[in-house]
């Protein structure tokens, strides 16, 4: 189960580039249900996501590079390219800051995962976050892939 809130970003933190990051490429074999393939560094993953907005089922399965490359041309819509920065926040959280490239630039989103719905609802975001778009399907990557 994934419990996550998603935010637009009004300004990048000054030191964001100093945090660990990786380039991600992902495509969607299906958007209903969501079936995604992702390449992040030298890792390849097939993901199934259930229905929901802040809380949803998520299953990740490893893929080989060959399987990923076989499935890649079968993705519907555009392939999403983004750089993800992992920024620690309040000693308890990790902000996943996604800076989108290509067709989706200059979009920037931040996601934070939680262990419970109560914790997610009590979260106070940092100043550099903008609108909470957790409950907007417009900002799901599966929706963005159809842009």
C-alpha atoms as a PDB file:
ATOM      1  CA  UNK A   1       0.000   0.000   0.000  1.00  0.00           C
ATOM      2  CA  UNK A   2       1.295   3.428  -0.947  1.00  0.00           C
ATOM      3  CA  UNK A   3       0.251   6.508   1.042  1.00  0.00           C
ATOM      4  CA  UNK A   4       1.543   9.607  -0.681  1.00  0.00           C
ATOM      5  CA  UNK A   5       0.866  13.315  -1.063  1.00  0.00           C
ATOM      6  CA  UNK A   6       1.892  15.276  -4.148  1.00  0.00           C
ATOM      7  CA  UNK A   7       2.582  18.995  -4.486  1.00  0.00           C
ATOM      8  CA  UNK A   8       3.448  21.534  -7.138  1.00  0.00           C
ATOM      9  CA  UNK A   9       6.661  23.418  -6.384  1.00  0.00           C
ATOM     10  CA  UNK A  10       6.800  27.226  -6.337  1.00  0.00           C
ATOM     11  CA  UNK A  11      10.586  27.451  -6.138  1.00  0.00           C
ATOM     12  CA  UNK A  12      13.420  24.977  -6.009  1.00  0.00           C
ATOM     13  CA  UNK A  13      15.343  24.864  -2.738  1.00  0.00           C
ATOM     14  CA  UNK A  14      18.757  26.497  -3.199  1.00  0.00           C
ATOM     15  CA  UNK A  15      20.670  23.284  -2.411  1.00  0.00           C
ATOM     16  CA  UNK A  16      18.484  20.724  -4.231  1.00  0.00           C
ATOM     17  CA  UNK A  17      21.257  19.724  -6.671  1.00  0.00           C
ATOM     18  CA  UNK A  18      23.493  18.612  -3.793  1.00  0.00           C
ATOM     19  CA  UNK A  19      21.144  15.725  -2.897  1.00  0.00           C
ATOM     20  CA  UNK A  20      21.206  12.210  -4.371  1.00  0.00           C
ATOM     21  CA  UNK A  21      19.417  12.031  -7.681  1.00  0.00           C
ATOM     22  CA  UNK A  22      18.762   9.744 -10.602  1.00  0.00           C
ATOM     23  CA  UNK A  23      17.398  10.045 -14.100  1.00  0.00           C
ATOM     24  CA  UNK A  24      14.179   8.150 -14.663  1.00  0.00           C
ATOM     25  CA  UNK A  25      12.469   7.036 -17.856  1.00  0.00           C
ATOM     26  CA  UNK A  26       9.013   5.538 -17.581  1.00  0.00           C
ATOM     27  CA  UNK A  27       6.175   4.538 -19.836  1.00  0.00           C
ATOM     28  CA  UNK A  28       2.660   3.225 -19.365  1.00  0.00           C
ATOM     29  CA  UNK A  29       1.454  -0.037 -20.863  1.00  0.00           C
ATOM     30  CA  UNK A  30      -1.986   0.732 -19.430  1.00  0.00           C
ATOM     31  CA  UNK A  31      -3.494   3.671 -17.558  1.00  0.00           C
ATOM     32  CA  UNK A  32      -6.609   1.855 -16.293  1.00  0.00           C
ATOM     33  CA  UNK A  33      -5.403  -0.090 -14.426  1.00  0.00           C
ATOM     34  CA  UNK A  34      -2.016   1.594 -14.205  1.00  0.00           C
ATOM     35  CA  UNK A  35       0.782  -0.662 -15.444  1.00  0.00           C
ATOM     36  CA  UNK A  36       4.105   1.145 -15.704  1.00  0.00           C
ATOM     37  CA  UNK A  37       7.623   0.261 -16.775  1.00  0.00           C
ATOM     38  CA  UNK A  38      10.505   2.287 -15.365  1.00  0.00           C
ATOM     39  CA  UNK A  39      14.232   2.564 -15.883  1.00  0.00           C
ATOM     40  CA  UNK A  40      16.079   4.264 -13.022  1.00  0.00           C
ATOM     41  CA  UNK A  41      19.830   3.998 -13.399  1.00  0.00           C
ATOM     42  CA  UNK A  42      20.559   0.316 -13.958  1.00  0.00           C
ATOM     43  CA  UNK A  43      17.282  -0.868 -12.372  1.00  0.00           C
ATOM     44  CA  UNK A  44      14.227  -1.856 -14.374  1.00  0.00           C
ATOM     45  CA  UNK A  45      10.809  -2.218 -12.759  1.00  0.00           C
ATOM     46  CA  UNK A  46       7.262  -3.157 -13.746  1.00  0.00           C
ATOM     47  CA  UNK A  47       4.681  -1.518 -11.470  1.00  0.00           C
ATOM     48  CA  UNK A  48       0.952  -2.095 -11.018  1.00  0.00           C
ATOM     49  CA  UNK A  49      -1.002   0.637  -9.213  1.00  0.00           C
ATOM     50  CA  UNK A  50      -4.554   0.192  -7.985  1.00  0.00           C
ATOM     51  CA  UNK A  51      -7.301   2.772  -7.834  1.00  0.00           C
ATOM     52  CA  UNK A  52      -7.090   5.694  -5.448  1.00  0.00           C
ATOM     53  CA  UNK A  53      -5.493   9.072  -5.009  1.00  0.00           C
ATOM     54  CA  UNK A  54      -3.633   9.470  -1.704  1.00  0.00           C
ATOM     55  CA  UNK A  55      -3.872   5.781  -0.788  1.00  0.00           C
ATOM     56  CA  UNK A  56      -3.523   3.043  -3.371  1.00  0.00           C
ATOM     57  CA  UNK A  57      -2.160  -0.423  -3.876  1.00  0.00           C
ATOM     58  CA  UNK A  58       1.235  -0.639  -5.526  1.00  0.00           C
ATOM     59  CA  UNK A  59       3.181  -3.706  -6.585  1.00  0.00           C
ATOM     60  CA  UNK A  60       6.702  -3.562  -8.007  1.00  0.00           C
ATOM     61  CA  UNK A  61       8.345  -6.385  -9.900  1.00  0.00           C
ATOM     62  CA  UNK A  62      11.926  -6.414 -11.198  1.00  0.00           C
ATOM     63  CA  UNK A  63      12.501  -6.504 -14.948  1.00  0.00           C
ATOM     64  CA  UNK A  64      15.617  -7.335 -16.884  1.00  0.00           C
ATOM     65  CA  UNK A  65      17.061  -4.717 -19.222  1.00  0.00           C
ATOM     66  CA  UNK A  66      15.999  -6.907 -22.146  1.00  0.00           C
ATOM     67  CA  UNK A  67      12.406  -7.152 -20.896  1.00  0.00           C
ATOM     68  CA  UNK A  68      12.267  -3.383 -20.368  1.00  0.00           C
ATOM     69  CA  UNK A  69      13.602  -2.722 -23.875  1.00  0.00           C
ATOM     70  CA  UNK A  70      11.053  -5.181 -25.306  1.00  0.00           C
ATOM     71  CA  UNK A  71       8.153  -3.449 -23.517  1.00  0.00           C
ATOM     72  CA  UNK A  72       9.349   0.150 -24.048  1.00  0.00           C
ATOM     73  CA  UNK A  73       7.974   0.550 -27.621  1.00  0.00           C
ATOM     74  CA  UNK A  74       4.613  -0.816 -26.438  1.00  0.00           C
ATOM     75  CA  UNK A  75       4.053   2.101 -24.021  1.00  0.00           C
ATOM     76  CA  UNK A  76       1.019   4.268 -24.746  1.00  0.00           C
ATOM     77  CA  UNK A  77       1.576   7.995 -25.026  1.00  0.00           C
ATOM     78  CA  UNK A  78       4.911   9.647 -24.342  1.00  0.00           C
ATOM     79  CA  UNK A  79       7.812   8.264 -22.379  1.00  0.00           C
ATOM     80  CA  UNK A  80       8.319  10.414 -19.297  1.00  0.00           C
ATOM     81  CA  UNK A  81      11.838  11.631 -18.561  1.00  0.00           C
ATOM     82  CA  UNK A  82      12.571  13.233 -15.215  1.00  0.00           C
ATOM     83  CA  UNK A  83      15.316  13.689 -12.687  1.00  0.00           C
ATOM     84  CA  UNK A  84      14.372  12.702  -9.145  1.00  0.00           C
ATOM     85  CA  UNK A  85      16.138  14.268  -6.167  1.00  0.00           C
ATOM     86  CA  UNK A  86      15.758  12.700  -2.706  1.00  0.00           C
ATOM     87  CA  UNK A  87      15.721  15.455  -0.109  1.00  0.00           C
ATOM     88  CA  UNK A  88      15.505  14.665   3.631  1.00  0.00           C
ATOM     89  CA  UNK A  89      12.890  16.657   5.530  1.00  0.00           C
ATOM     90  CA  UNK A  90      12.239  16.850   9.289  1.00  0.00           C
ATOM     91  CA  UNK A  91      14.417  13.786   9.991  1.00  0.00           C
ATOM     92  CA  UNK A  92      11.404  11.595   9.209  1.00  0.00           C
ATOM     93  CA  UNK A  93      10.552  12.150   5.575  1.00  0.00           C
ATOM     94  CA  UNK A  94      12.141  12.046   2.170  1.00  0.00           C
ATOM     95  CA  UNK A  95      10.871  14.492  -0.409  1.00  0.00           C
ATOM     96  CA  UNK A  96      11.048  13.064  -3.918  1.00  0.00           C
ATOM     97  CA  UNK A  97      11.524  16.137  -6.092  1.00  0.00           C
ATOM     98  CA  UNK A  98      10.790  15.377  -9.753  1.00  0.00           C
ATOM     99  CA  UNK A  99      11.990  17.784 -12.428  1.00  0.00           C
ATOM    100  CA  UNK A 100      10.376  16.807 -15.727  1.00  0.00           C
ATOM    101  CA  UNK A 101      12.097  17.123 -19.101  1.00  0.00           C
ATOM    102  CA  UNK A 102      11.141  17.171 -22.763  1.00  0.00           C
ATOM    103  CA  UNK A 103       7.397  17.628 -23.421  1.00  0.00           C
ATOM    104  CA  UNK A 104       6.572  17.997 -19.730  1.00  0.00           C
ATOM    105  CA  UNK A 105       9.152  20.691 -18.896  1.00  0.00           C
ATOM    106  CA  UNK A 106       9.036  22.935 -16.917  1.00  0.00           C
ATOM    107  CA  UNK A 107       6.770  20.845 -14.617  1.00  0.00           C
ATOM    108  CA  UNK A 108       8.190  20.187 -11.131  1.00  0.00           C
ATOM    109  CA  UNK A 109       6.409  17.991  -8.570  1.00  0.00           C
ATOM    110  CA  UNK A 110       7.265  16.905  -5.037  1.00  0.00           C
ATOM    111  CA  UNK A 111       5.990  13.709  -3.412  1.00  0.00           C
ATOM    112  CA  UNK A 112       6.165  12.549   0.188  1.00  0.00           C
ATOM    113  CA  UNK A 113       5.282   9.036   1.370  1.00  0.00           C
ATOM    114  CA  UNK A 114       3.759   8.207   4.754  1.00  0.00           C
ATOM    115  CA  UNK A 115       3.124   5.189   6.952  1.00  0.00           C
ATOM    116  CA  UNK A 116      -0.523   6.078   7.713  1.00  0.00           C
ATOM    117  CA  UNK A 117      -3.387   8.207   6.430  1.00  0.00           C
ATOM    118  CA  UNK A 118      -3.401  10.141   9.713  1.00  0.00           C
ATOM    119  CA  UNK A 119       0.285  10.993   9.328  1.00  0.00           C
ATOM    120  CA  UNK A 120      -0.304  12.115   5.723  1.00  0.00           C
ATOM    121  CA  UNK A 121      -3.162  14.383   6.779  1.00  0.00           C
ATOM    122  CA  UNK A 122      -1.068  15.989   9.534  1.00  0.00           C
ATOM    123  CA  UNK A 123       1.934  16.697   7.300  1.00  0.00           C
ATOM    124  CA  UNK A 124       2.993  20.340   7.096  1.00  0.00           C
ATOM    125  CA  UNK A 125       4.904  20.943   3.856  1.00  0.00           C
ATOM    126  CA  UNK A 126       7.980  23.152   3.561  1.00  0.00           C
ATOM    127  CA  UNK A 127       7.667  26.759   2.371  1.00  0.00           C
ATOM    128  CA  UNK A 128       8.877  25.966  -1.143  1.00  0.00           C
ATOM    129  CA  UNK A 129       5.895  23.688  -1.850  1.00  0.00           C
ATOM    130  CA  UNK A 130       2.920  25.186  -3.676  1.00  0.00           C
ATOM    131  CA  UNK A 131      -0.535  23.699  -4.280  1.00  0.00           C
ATOM    132  CA  UNK A 132      -1.366  20.238  -2.920  1.00  0.00           C
ATOM    133  CA  UNK A 133      -2.388  18.235  -6.007  1.00  0.00           C
ATOM    134  CA  UNK A 134      -2.748  14.871  -4.269  1.00  0.00           C
ATOM    135  CA  UNK A 135      -6.413  14.602  -5.207  1.00  0.00           C
ATOM    136  CA  UNK A 136      -6.004  15.755  -8.813  1.00  0.00           C
ATOM    137  CA  UNK A 137      -5.582  12.984 -11.358  1.00  0.00           C
ATOM    138  CA  UNK A 138      -4.225  15.670 -13.718  1.00  0.00           C
ATOM    139  CA  UNK A 139      -0.824  15.266 -12.030  1.00  0.00           C
ATOM    140  CA  UNK A 140      -0.650  11.472 -12.022  1.00  0.00           C
ATOM    141  CA  UNK A 141       2.274  10.421 -14.191  1.00  0.00           C
ATOM    142  CA  UNK A 142      -0.098   8.080 -16.038  1.00  0.00           C
ATOM    143  CA  UNK A 143      -2.213  11.110 -17.025  1.00  0.00           C
ATOM    144  CA  UNK A 144       0.873  13.176 -17.888  1.00  0.00           C
ATOM    145  CA  UNK A 145       2.034  10.400 -20.247  1.00  0.00           C
ATOM    146  CA  UNK A 146      -0.977  11.120 -22.435  1.00  0.00           C
ATOM    147  CA  UNK A 147      -0.049  14.815 -22.781  1.00  0.00           C
END
